[in-house]
Amino acid sequence: MDTAKLELAAQRYRDAEKALDAARADLQAEAVAALRQTDERGAQATVARITGWTREYVRKLKNKADAEG
């Protein structure tokens, strides 16, 4: 068994997970910021379309951010 290749692949996977988590957090923050900057009708639908998230998820994300301050 080539454990060196396995260890390298495991490290790449962990690095990719960290990068994905950071990208998700950035995207969530930008989505909330976009919603807070406008009262435009359909803003949640626009964020949902751009992110690929459901309108329900976008609404919950905004409500959670508002509750946290």
C-alpha atoms as a PDB file:
ATOM      1  CA  MET A   1       0.000   0.000   0.000  1.00  0.00           C
ATOM      2  CA  ASP A   2       1.287   3.452  -0.939  1.00  0.00           C
ATOM      3  CA  THR A   3       0.472   5.452   2.178  1.00  0.00           C
ATOM      4  CA  ALA A   4       2.285   8.541   0.915  1.00  0.00           C
ATOM      5  CA  LYS A   5      -0.223   8.931  -1.920  1.00  0.00           C
ATOM      6  CA  LEU A   6      -3.080   8.254   0.488  1.00  0.00           C
ATOM      7  CA  GLU A   7      -1.813  10.886   2.919  1.00  0.00           C
ATOM      8  CA  LEU A   8      -1.423  13.409   0.100  1.00  0.00           C
ATOM      9  CA  ALA A   9      -4.936  12.741  -1.165  1.00  0.00           C
ATOM     10  CA  ALA A  10      -6.329  13.038   2.373  1.00  0.00           C
ATOM     11  CA  GLN A  11      -4.561  16.374   2.863  1.00  0.00           C
ATOM     12  CA  ARG A  12      -5.854  17.693  -0.475  1.00  0.00           C
ATOM     13  CA  TYR A  13      -9.350  16.639   0.567  1.00  0.00           C
ATOM     14  CA  ARG A  14      -9.089  18.421   3.939  1.00  0.00           C
ATOM     15  CA  ASP A  15      -7.769  21.545   2.216  1.00  0.00           C
ATOM     16  CA  ALA A  16     -10.617  21.457  -0.292  1.00  0.00           C
ATOM     17  CA  GLU A  17     -13.163  21.077   2.522  1.00  0.00           C
ATOM     18  CA  LYS A  18     -11.734  24.120   4.298  1.00  0.00           C
ATOM     19  CA  ALA A  19     -11.817  26.133   1.081  1.00  0.00           C
ATOM     20  CA  LEU A  20     -15.412  25.070   0.419  1.00  0.00           C
ATOM     21  CA  ASP A  21     -16.468  26.022   3.954  1.00  0.00           C
ATOM     22  CA  ALA A  22     -14.842  29.439   3.569  1.00  0.00           C
ATOM     23  CA  ALA A  23     -16.455  29.980   0.169  1.00  0.00           C
ATOM     24  CA  ARG A  24     -19.865  28.998   1.584  1.00  0.00           C
ATOM     25  CA  ALA A  25     -19.488  31.452   4.463  1.00  0.00           C
ATOM     26  CA  ASP A  26     -18.466  34.217   2.039  1.00  0.00           C
ATOM     27  CA  LEU A  27     -21.406  33.489  -0.243  1.00  0.00           C
ATOM     28  CA  GLN A  28     -23.843  33.482   2.663  1.00  0.00           C
ATOM     29  CA  ALA A  29     -22.480  36.803   3.932  1.00  0.00           C
ATOM     30  CA  GLU A  30     -22.698  38.367   0.473  1.00  0.00           C
ATOM     31  CA  ALA A  31     -26.244  37.092   0.006  1.00  0.00           C
ATOM     32  CA  VAL A  32     -27.353  38.595   3.323  1.00  0.00           C
ATOM     33  CA  ALA A  33     -25.569  41.869   2.513  1.00  0.00           C
ATOM     34  CA  ALA A  34     -27.288  42.031  -0.868  1.00  0.00           C
ATOM     35  CA  LEU A  35     -30.690  41.497   0.740  1.00  0.00           C
ATOM     36  CA  ARG A  36     -30.027  44.126   3.397  1.00  0.00           C
ATOM     37  CA  GLN A  37     -29.077  46.713   0.770  1.00  0.00           C
ATOM     38  CA  THR A  38     -32.422  46.668  -0.992  1.00  0.00           C
ATOM     39  CA  ASP A  39     -36.140  46.582  -0.389  1.00  0.00           C
ATOM     40  CA  GLU A  40     -36.662  45.722  -4.046  1.00  0.00           C
ATOM     41  CA  ARG A  41     -39.443  43.278  -4.717  1.00  0.00           C
ATOM     42  CA  GLY A  42     -38.045  39.957  -5.853  1.00  0.00           C
ATOM     43  CA  ALA A  43     -34.658  40.410  -4.182  1.00  0.00           C
ATOM     44  CA  GLN A  44     -34.854  37.031  -2.464  1.00  0.00           C
ATOM     45  CA  ALA A  45     -35.770  35.378  -5.754  1.00  0.00           C
ATOM     46  CA  THR A  46     -32.789  37.041  -7.419  1.00  0.00           C
ATOM     47  CA  VAL A  47     -30.417  35.831  -4.688  1.00  0.00           C
ATOM     48  CA  ALA A  48     -31.912  32.339  -4.961  1.00  0.00           C
ATOM     49  CA  ARG A  49     -31.426  32.314  -8.735  1.00  0.00           C
ATOM     50  CA  ILE A  50     -27.811  33.493  -8.534  1.00  0.00           C
ATOM     51  CA  THR A  51     -26.785  31.167  -5.702  1.00  0.00           C
ATOM     52  CA  GLY A  52     -28.828  28.143  -6.718  1.00  0.00           C
ATOM     53  CA  TRP A  53     -30.387  28.039  -3.259  1.00  0.00           C
ATOM     54  CA  THR A  54     -34.113  27.763  -2.681  1.00  0.00           C
ATOM     55  CA  ARG A  55     -36.109  30.851  -1.759  1.00  0.00           C
ATOM     56  CA  GLU A  56     -36.905  29.174   1.545  1.00  0.00           C
ATOM     57  CA  TYR A  57     -33.198  28.728   2.321  1.00  0.00           C
ATOM     58  CA  VAL A  58     -32.487  32.364   1.405  1.00  0.00           C
ATOM     59  CA  ARG A  59     -35.337  33.536   3.621  1.00  0.00           C
ATOM     60  CA  LYS A  60     -34.121  31.410   6.544  1.00  0.00           C
ATOM     61  CA  LEU A  61     -30.549  32.629   6.046  1.00  0.00           C
ATOM     62  CA  LYS A  62     -31.684  36.263   6.136  1.00  0.00           C
ATOM     63  CA  ASN A  63     -33.929  35.695   9.165  1.00  0.00           C
ATOM     64  CA  LYS A  64     -31.103  33.972  11.048  1.00  0.00           C
ATOM     65  CA  ALA A  65     -28.680  36.792  10.228  1.00  0.00           C
ATOM     66  CA  ASP A  66     -31.240  39.388  11.334  1.00  0.00           C
ATOM     67  CA  ALA A  67     -31.830  37.544  14.621  1.00  0.00           C
ATOM     68  CA  GLU A  68     -28.084  37.369  15.299  1.00  0.00           C
ATOM     69  CA  GLY A  69     -27.763  41.074  14.741  1.00  0.00           C
END
